[in-house]
């Protein structure tokens, strides 16, 4: 391989590594929810549930789309969700009648923004944050730009309600990282052309 092109490849690799790692150093990161996310609301079985819910009156399953930011306090390692912007997909009539805020975009977003996630001690190459009120609701950061939000709570055995989340989200690259990547690619291409002329 041409030496100049070889150097260019290493520049690209370095920029990609920096672009992937740099956002993790920030205290607030923005994430886009990946396709296939799911949110489930289970109304209390004490009444008749929510007529028209799919797949049953006692279980409303929605697709979920949108974005949110994660802020981690460096001292306490407490994570919170900010600027949650969600779209619930499906059960349209239930969303319109809205017997509870927990079947609406805004209601679910507000509920998530009220959560406070405590950092758990883990041995793996990832970080797990559990909701202080509902510890089965967990935010997992895989430290590679991917987070998952999973679990929730289920009070239906005691005539309460329940929620369950299963979603994956990818970090939105910072403008500075995108700019550095573009610069690195431009430098690598320039070096590659220079090397071709010298060869």
C-alpha atoms as a PDB file:
ATOM      1  CA  UNK A   1       0.000   0.000   0.000  1.00  0.00           C
ATOM      2  CA  UNK A   2       1.160   3.512  -0.765  1.00  0.00           C
ATOM      3  CA  UNK A   3       2.733   4.954   2.463  1.00  0.00           C
ATOM      4  CA  UNK A   4       0.720   8.172   2.189  1.00  0.00           C
ATOM      5  CA  UNK A   5      -2.530   6.270   1.801  1.00  0.00           C
ATOM      6  CA  UNK A   6      -1.561   4.059   4.754  1.00  0.00           C
ATOM      7  CA  UNK A   7      -1.112   7.175   6.914  1.00  0.00           C
ATOM      8  CA  UNK A   8      -4.434   8.493   5.652  1.00  0.00           C
ATOM      9  CA  UNK A   9      -6.201   5.317   6.753  1.00  0.00           C
ATOM     10  CA  UNK A  10      -4.747   5.705  10.240  1.00  0.00           C
ATOM     11  CA  UNK A  11      -5.950   9.322  10.336  1.00  0.00           C
ATOM     12  CA  UNK A  12      -9.475   8.162   9.476  1.00  0.00           C
ATOM     13  CA  UNK A  13      -9.318   5.469  12.149  1.00  0.00           C
ATOM     14  CA  UNK A  14      -8.155   7.998  14.730  1.00  0.00           C
ATOM     15  CA  UNK A  15     -10.910  10.444  13.872  1.00  0.00           C
ATOM     16  CA  UNK A  16     -13.553   7.703  14.027  1.00  0.00           C
ATOM     17  CA  UNK A  17     -12.328   6.609  17.454  1.00  0.00           C
ATOM     18  CA  UNK A  18     -12.351  10.204  18.689  1.00  0.00           C
ATOM     19  CA  UNK A  19     -15.808  10.835  17.256  1.00  0.00           C
ATOM     20  CA  UNK A  20     -17.143   7.744  19.003  1.00  0.00           C
ATOM     21  CA  UNK A  21     -15.493   8.450  22.343  1.00  0.00           C
ATOM     22  CA  UNK A  22     -15.805  12.245  22.526  1.00  0.00           C
ATOM     23  CA  UNK A  23     -19.609  12.373  23.073  1.00  0.00           C
ATOM     24  CA  UNK A  24     -19.271  10.050  26.061  1.00  0.00           C
ATOM     25  CA  UNK A  25     -17.236  12.704  27.871  1.00  0.00           C
ATOM     26  CA  UNK A  26     -20.135  15.156  27.685  1.00  0.00           C
ATOM     27  CA  UNK A  27     -22.558  15.468  30.590  1.00  0.00           C
ATOM     28  CA  UNK A  28     -25.643  15.619  28.327  1.00  0.00           C
ATOM     29  CA  UNK A  29     -26.082  13.451  25.235  1.00  0.00           C
ATOM     30  CA  UNK A  30     -28.977  13.336  22.771  1.00  0.00           C
ATOM     31  CA  UNK A  31     -30.324   9.980  21.538  1.00  0.00           C
ATOM     32  CA  UNK A  32     -32.689   8.914  18.745  1.00  0.00           C
ATOM     33  CA  UNK A  33     -34.894   5.895  19.425  1.00  0.00           C
ATOM     34  CA  UNK A  34     -34.260   3.047  16.985  1.00  0.00           C
ATOM     35  CA  UNK A  35     -37.121   1.365  15.069  1.00  0.00           C
ATOM     36  CA  UNK A  36     -38.760  -1.537  16.888  1.00  0.00           C
ATOM     37  CA  UNK A  37     -39.112   0.143  20.292  1.00  0.00           C
ATOM     38  CA  UNK A  38     -42.103  -0.865  22.387  1.00  0.00           C
ATOM     39  CA  UNK A  39     -44.043   0.655  25.272  1.00  0.00           C
ATOM     40  CA  UNK A  40     -46.775  -1.218  27.161  1.00  0.00           C
ATOM     41  CA  UNK A  41     -49.347   0.214  29.546  1.00  0.00           C
ATOM     42  CA  UNK A  42     -51.416  -2.131  31.713  1.00  0.00           C
ATOM     43  CA  UNK A  43     -54.461  -0.518  33.365  1.00  0.00           C
ATOM     44  CA  UNK A  44     -55.676  -1.644  36.765  1.00  0.00           C
ATOM     45  CA  UNK A  45     -57.693  -4.884  36.583  1.00  0.00           C
ATOM     46  CA  UNK A  46     -59.981  -3.516  39.307  1.00  0.00           C
ATOM     47  CA  UNK A  47     -62.268  -1.955  36.695  1.00  0.00           C
ATOM     48  CA  UNK A  48     -62.908  -2.983  33.111  1.00  0.00           C
ATOM     49  CA  UNK A  49     -59.492  -1.936  31.876  1.00  0.00           C
ATOM     50  CA  UNK A  50     -59.430   0.262  28.783  1.00  0.00           C
ATOM     51  CA  UNK A  51     -61.923  -0.927  26.161  1.00  0.00           C
ATOM     52  CA  UNK A  52     -60.399  -1.040  22.700  1.00  0.00           C
ATOM     53  CA  UNK A  53     -56.813  -1.545  23.847  1.00  0.00           C
ATOM     54  CA  UNK A  54     -54.754  -3.836  21.654  1.00  0.00           C
ATOM     55  CA  UNK A  55     -54.037  -6.682  22.308  1.00  0.00           C
ATOM     56  CA  UNK A  56     -56.598  -6.659  25.176  1.00  0.00           C
ATOM     57  CA  UNK A  57     -58.542  -4.299  27.432  1.00  0.00           C
ATOM     58  CA  UNK A  58     -55.938  -4.961  30.134  1.00  0.00           C
ATOM     59  CA  UNK A  59     -52.855  -4.424  27.951  1.00  0.00           C
ATOM     60  CA  UNK A  60     -52.121  -1.543  25.575  1.00  0.00           C
ATOM     61  CA  UNK A  61     -49.017  -2.113  23.457  1.00  0.00           C
ATOM     62  CA  UNK A  62     -47.569   0.818  21.515  1.00  0.00           C
ATOM     63  CA  UNK A  63     -44.662   1.276  19.176  1.00  0.00           C
ATOM     64  CA  UNK A  64     -42.500   4.145  20.359  1.00  0.00           C
ATOM     65  CA  UNK A  65     -40.421   6.641  18.412  1.00  0.00           C
ATOM     66  CA  UNK A  66     -38.683   9.925  19.130  1.00  0.00           C
ATOM     67  CA  UNK A  67     -35.661  11.196  21.013  1.00  0.00           C
ATOM     68  CA  UNK A  68     -34.424  12.170  24.457  1.00  0.00           C
ATOM     69  CA  UNK A  69     -31.350  13.498  26.204  1.00  0.00           C
ATOM     70  CA  UNK A  70     -29.528  11.807  29.067  1.00  0.00           C
ATOM     71  CA  UNK A  71     -27.798  13.892  31.714  1.00  0.00           C
ATOM     72  CA  UNK A  72     -25.453  12.248  34.195  1.00  0.00           C
ATOM     73  CA  UNK A  73     -24.366  14.257  37.224  1.00  0.00           C
ATOM     74  CA  UNK A  74     -20.589  13.714  37.532  1.00  0.00           C
ATOM     75  CA  UNK A  75     -20.587  13.829  41.351  1.00  0.00           C
ATOM     76  CA  UNK A  76     -23.621  11.726  42.200  1.00  0.00           C
ATOM     77  CA  UNK A  77     -23.714   9.584  39.011  1.00  0.00           C
ATOM     78  CA  UNK A  78     -27.482  10.118  38.927  1.00  0.00           C
ATOM     79  CA  UNK A  79     -28.959  10.050  35.409  1.00  0.00           C
ATOM     80  CA  UNK A  80     -32.075  11.890  34.303  1.00  0.00           C
ATOM     81  CA  UNK A  81     -33.907  12.115  30.986  1.00  0.00           C
ATOM     82  CA  UNK A  82     -34.376  15.580  29.503  1.00  0.00           C
ATOM     83  CA  UNK A  83     -36.337  17.018  26.568  1.00  0.00           C
ATOM     84  CA  UNK A  84     -38.147  13.736  26.003  1.00  0.00           C
ATOM     85  CA  UNK A  85     -39.963  13.942  22.655  1.00  0.00           C
ATOM     86  CA  UNK A  86     -42.020  10.802  22.014  1.00  0.00           C
ATOM     87  CA  UNK A  87     -44.550   9.463  19.553  1.00  0.00           C
ATOM     88  CA  UNK A  88     -46.672   6.480  20.605  1.00  0.00           C
ATOM     89  CA  UNK A  89     -47.663   4.325  17.642  1.00  0.00           C
ATOM     90  CA  UNK A  90     -50.917   2.368  17.595  1.00  0.00           C
ATOM     91  CA  UNK A  91     -54.039   2.292  19.787  1.00  0.00           C
ATOM     92  CA  UNK A  92     -55.049   5.621  18.234  1.00  0.00           C
ATOM     93  CA  UNK A  93     -58.567   5.699  19.692  1.00  0.00           C
ATOM     94  CA  UNK A  94     -57.211   5.018  23.176  1.00  0.00           C
ATOM     95  CA  UNK A  95     -54.726   7.865  22.780  1.00  0.00           C
ATOM     96  CA  UNK A  96     -57.517  10.215  21.703  1.00  0.00           C
ATOM     97  CA  UNK A  97     -59.813   9.303  24.587  1.00  0.00           C
ATOM     98  CA  UNK A  98     -56.809   9.363  26.984  1.00  0.00           C
ATOM     99  CA  UNK A  99     -58.292   7.739  30.106  1.00  0.00           C
ATOM    100  CA  UNK A 100     -54.825   8.227  31.663  1.00  0.00           C
ATOM    101  CA  UNK A 101     -51.829  10.397  30.700  1.00  0.00           C
ATOM    102  CA  UNK A 102     -49.780   7.205  30.449  1.00  0.00           C
ATOM    103  CA  UNK A 103     -51.356   6.414  27.060  1.00  0.00           C
ATOM    104  CA  UNK A 104     -50.398   9.757  25.480  1.00  0.00           C
ATOM    105  CA  UNK A 105     -47.124  11.019  24.003  1.00  0.00           C
ATOM    106  CA  UNK A 106     -46.885  13.934  26.407  1.00  0.00           C
ATOM    107  CA  UNK A 107     -47.962  11.935  29.457  1.00  0.00           C
ATOM    108  CA  UNK A 108     -45.336   9.253  28.945  1.00  0.00           C
ATOM    109  CA  UNK A 109     -42.668  11.873  28.176  1.00  0.00           C
ATOM    110  CA  UNK A 110     -43.510  13.777  31.381  1.00  0.00           C
ATOM    111  CA  UNK A 111     -43.426  10.573  33.408  1.00  0.00           C
ATOM    112  CA  UNK A 112     -39.970   9.685  32.082  1.00  0.00           C
ATOM    113  CA  UNK A 113     -38.666  13.177  32.777  1.00  0.00           C
ATOM    114  CA  UNK A 114     -39.748  12.755  36.416  1.00  0.00           C
ATOM    115  CA  UNK A 115     -37.561   9.680  36.819  1.00  0.00           C
ATOM    116  CA  UNK A 116     -34.187   9.679  38.582  1.00  0.00           C
ATOM    117  CA  UNK A 117     -31.803   6.812  37.769  1.00  0.00           C
ATOM    118  CA  UNK A 118     -29.156   5.673  40.235  1.00  0.00           C
ATOM    119  CA  UNK A 119     -25.881   4.244  38.929  1.00  0.00           C
ATOM    120  CA  UNK A 120     -25.449   0.571  39.853  1.00  0.00           C
ATOM    121  CA  UNK A 121     -22.072  -1.096  40.339  1.00  0.00           C
ATOM    122  CA  UNK A 122     -21.451  -3.464  37.427  1.00  0.00           C
ATOM    123  CA  UNK A 123     -18.479  -5.530  36.322  1.00  0.00           C
ATOM    124  CA  UNK A 124     -19.204  -5.316  32.611  1.00  0.00           C
ATOM    125  CA  UNK A 125     -18.044  -2.796  29.989  1.00  0.00           C
ATOM    126  CA  UNK A 126     -21.288  -0.856  30.399  1.00  0.00           C
ATOM    127  CA  UNK A 127     -23.150   1.235  32.964  1.00  0.00           C
ATOM    128  CA  UNK A 128     -26.567   0.444  34.391  1.00  0.00           C
ATOM    129  CA  UNK A 129     -28.823   3.054  35.992  1.00  0.00           C
ATOM    130  CA  UNK A 130     -31.928   1.945  37.920  1.00  0.00           C
ATOM    131  CA  UNK A 131     -34.910   4.205  38.600  1.00  0.00           C
ATOM    132  CA  UNK A 132     -34.929   5.115  42.288  1.00  0.00           C
ATOM    133  CA  UNK A 133     -38.701   4.615  42.556  1.00  0.00           C
ATOM    134  CA  UNK A 134     -39.114   1.653  40.190  1.00  0.00           C
ATOM    135  CA  UNK A 135     -35.748  -0.196  40.161  1.00  0.00           C
ATOM    136  CA  UNK A 136     -36.920  -2.621  37.472  1.00  0.00           C
ATOM    137  CA  UNK A 137     -36.884   0.328  35.060  1.00  0.00           C
ATOM    138  CA  UNK A 138     -33.272   0.490  33.924  1.00  0.00           C
ATOM    139  CA  UNK A 139     -31.213   2.647  31.594  1.00  0.00           C
ATOM    140  CA  UNK A 140     -28.152   0.836  30.247  1.00  0.00           C
ATOM    141  CA  UNK A 141     -25.291   2.721  28.588  1.00  0.00           C
ATOM    142  CA  UNK A 142     -23.057   0.432  26.521  1.00  0.00           C
ATOM    143  CA  UNK A 143     -20.427   3.210  26.304  1.00  0.00           C
ATOM    144  CA  UNK A 144     -20.377   2.990  22.506  1.00  0.00           C
ATOM    145  CA  UNK A 145     -23.141   5.461  21.678  1.00  0.00           C
ATOM    146  CA  UNK A 146     -25.973   2.998  22.388  1.00  0.00           C
ATOM    147  CA  UNK A 147     -28.367   3.007  25.335  1.00  0.00           C
ATOM    148  CA  UNK A 148     -31.375   0.868  26.180  1.00  0.00           C
ATOM    149  CA  UNK A 149     -34.378   1.643  28.354  1.00  0.00           C
ATOM    150  CA  UNK A 150     -36.071  -1.486  29.640  1.00  0.00           C
ATOM    151  CA  UNK A 151     -38.509  -2.643  32.283  1.00  0.00           C
ATOM    152  CA  UNK A 152     -40.864  -0.617  34.416  1.00  0.00           C
ATOM    153  CA  UNK A 153     -43.300  -1.609  37.136  1.00  0.00           C
ATOM    154  CA  UNK A 154     -46.321  -3.874  37.458  1.00  0.00           C
ATOM    155  CA  UNK A 155     -48.842  -3.178  40.217  1.00  0.00           C
ATOM    156  CA  UNK A 156     -51.696  -5.044  38.536  1.00  0.00           C
ATOM    157  CA  UNK A 157     -51.633  -7.923  41.065  1.00  0.00           C
ATOM    158  CA  UNK A 158     -52.629  -5.356  43.720  1.00  0.00           C
ATOM    159  CA  UNK A 159     -55.207  -3.654  41.475  1.00  0.00           C
ATOM    160  CA  UNK A 160     -52.756  -1.002  40.300  1.00  0.00           C
ATOM    161  CA  UNK A 161     -51.441  -0.277  36.836  1.00  0.00           C
ATOM    162  CA  UNK A 162     -48.117  -1.001  35.138  1.00  0.00           C
ATOM    163  CA  UNK A 163     -45.749   0.156  32.438  1.00  0.00           C
ATOM    164  CA  UNK A 164     -42.993  -1.570  30.501  1.00  0.00           C
ATOM    165  CA  UNK A 165     -40.408  -0.145  28.091  1.00  0.00           C
ATOM    166  CA  UNK A 166     -38.211  -1.995  25.610  1.00  0.00           C
ATOM    167  CA  UNK A 167     -36.243   0.365  23.392  1.00  0.00           C
ATOM    168  CA  UNK A 168     -32.775   1.032  22.041  1.00  0.00           C
ATOM    169  CA  UNK A 169     -31.457   4.480  21.168  1.00  0.00           C
ATOM    170  CA  UNK A 170     -28.356   5.731  19.362  1.00  0.00           C
ATOM    171  CA  UNK A 171     -26.431   8.878  20.218  1.00  0.00           C
ATOM    172  CA  UNK A 172     -26.834  11.862  17.914  1.00  0.00           C
ATOM    173  CA  UNK A 173     -23.295  12.894  16.832  1.00  0.00           C
ATOM    174  CA  UNK A 174     -22.155  16.282  18.060  1.00  0.00           C
ATOM    175  CA  UNK A 175     -21.485  18.831  15.293  1.00  0.00           C
ATOM    176  CA  UNK A 176     -17.843  19.024  16.399  1.00  0.00           C
ATOM    177  CA  UNK A 177     -17.399  15.266  15.924  1.00  0.00           C
ATOM    178  CA  UNK A 178     -18.955  15.374  12.466  1.00  0.00           C
ATOM    179  CA  UNK A 179     -16.698  18.315  11.549  1.00  0.00           C
ATOM    180  CA  UNK A 180     -13.571  16.480  12.745  1.00  0.00           C
ATOM    181  CA  UNK A 181     -14.560  13.390  10.797  1.00  0.00           C
ATOM    182  CA  UNK A 182     -15.027  15.467   7.638  1.00  0.00           C
ATOM    183  CA  UNK A 183     -11.636  17.122   8.144  1.00  0.00           C
ATOM    184  CA  UNK A 184      -9.986  13.754   8.663  1.00  0.00           C
ATOM    185  CA  UNK A 185     -11.504  12.349   5.490  1.00  0.00           C
ATOM    186  CA  UNK A 186     -10.424  15.405   3.509  1.00  0.00           C
ATOM    187  CA  UNK A 187      -6.859  15.128   4.827  1.00  0.00           C
ATOM    188  CA  UNK A 188      -6.725  11.416   4.100  1.00  0.00           C
ATOM    189  CA  UNK A 189      -7.968  11.890   0.534  1.00  0.00           C
ATOM    190  CA  UNK A 190      -5.463  14.702  -0.065  1.00  0.00           C
ATOM    191  CA  UNK A 191      -2.610  12.580   1.226  1.00  0.00           C
ATOM    192  CA  UNK A 192      -3.765   9.659  -0.871  1.00  0.00           C
ATOM    193  CA  UNK A 193      -3.757  11.769  -4.063  1.00  0.00           C
ATOM    194  CA  UNK A 194      -0.351  13.226  -3.206  1.00  0.00           C
ATOM    195  CA  UNK A 195       0.995   9.737  -2.678  1.00  0.00           C
ATOM    196  CA  UNK A 196      -0.379   8.596  -6.050  1.00  0.00           C
ATOM    197  CA  UNK A 197       1.441  11.476  -7.785  1.00  0.00           C
ATOM    198  CA  UNK A 198       4.687  10.626  -6.023  1.00  0.00           C
ATOM    199  CA  UNK A 199       4.438   6.934  -6.829  1.00  0.00           C
END
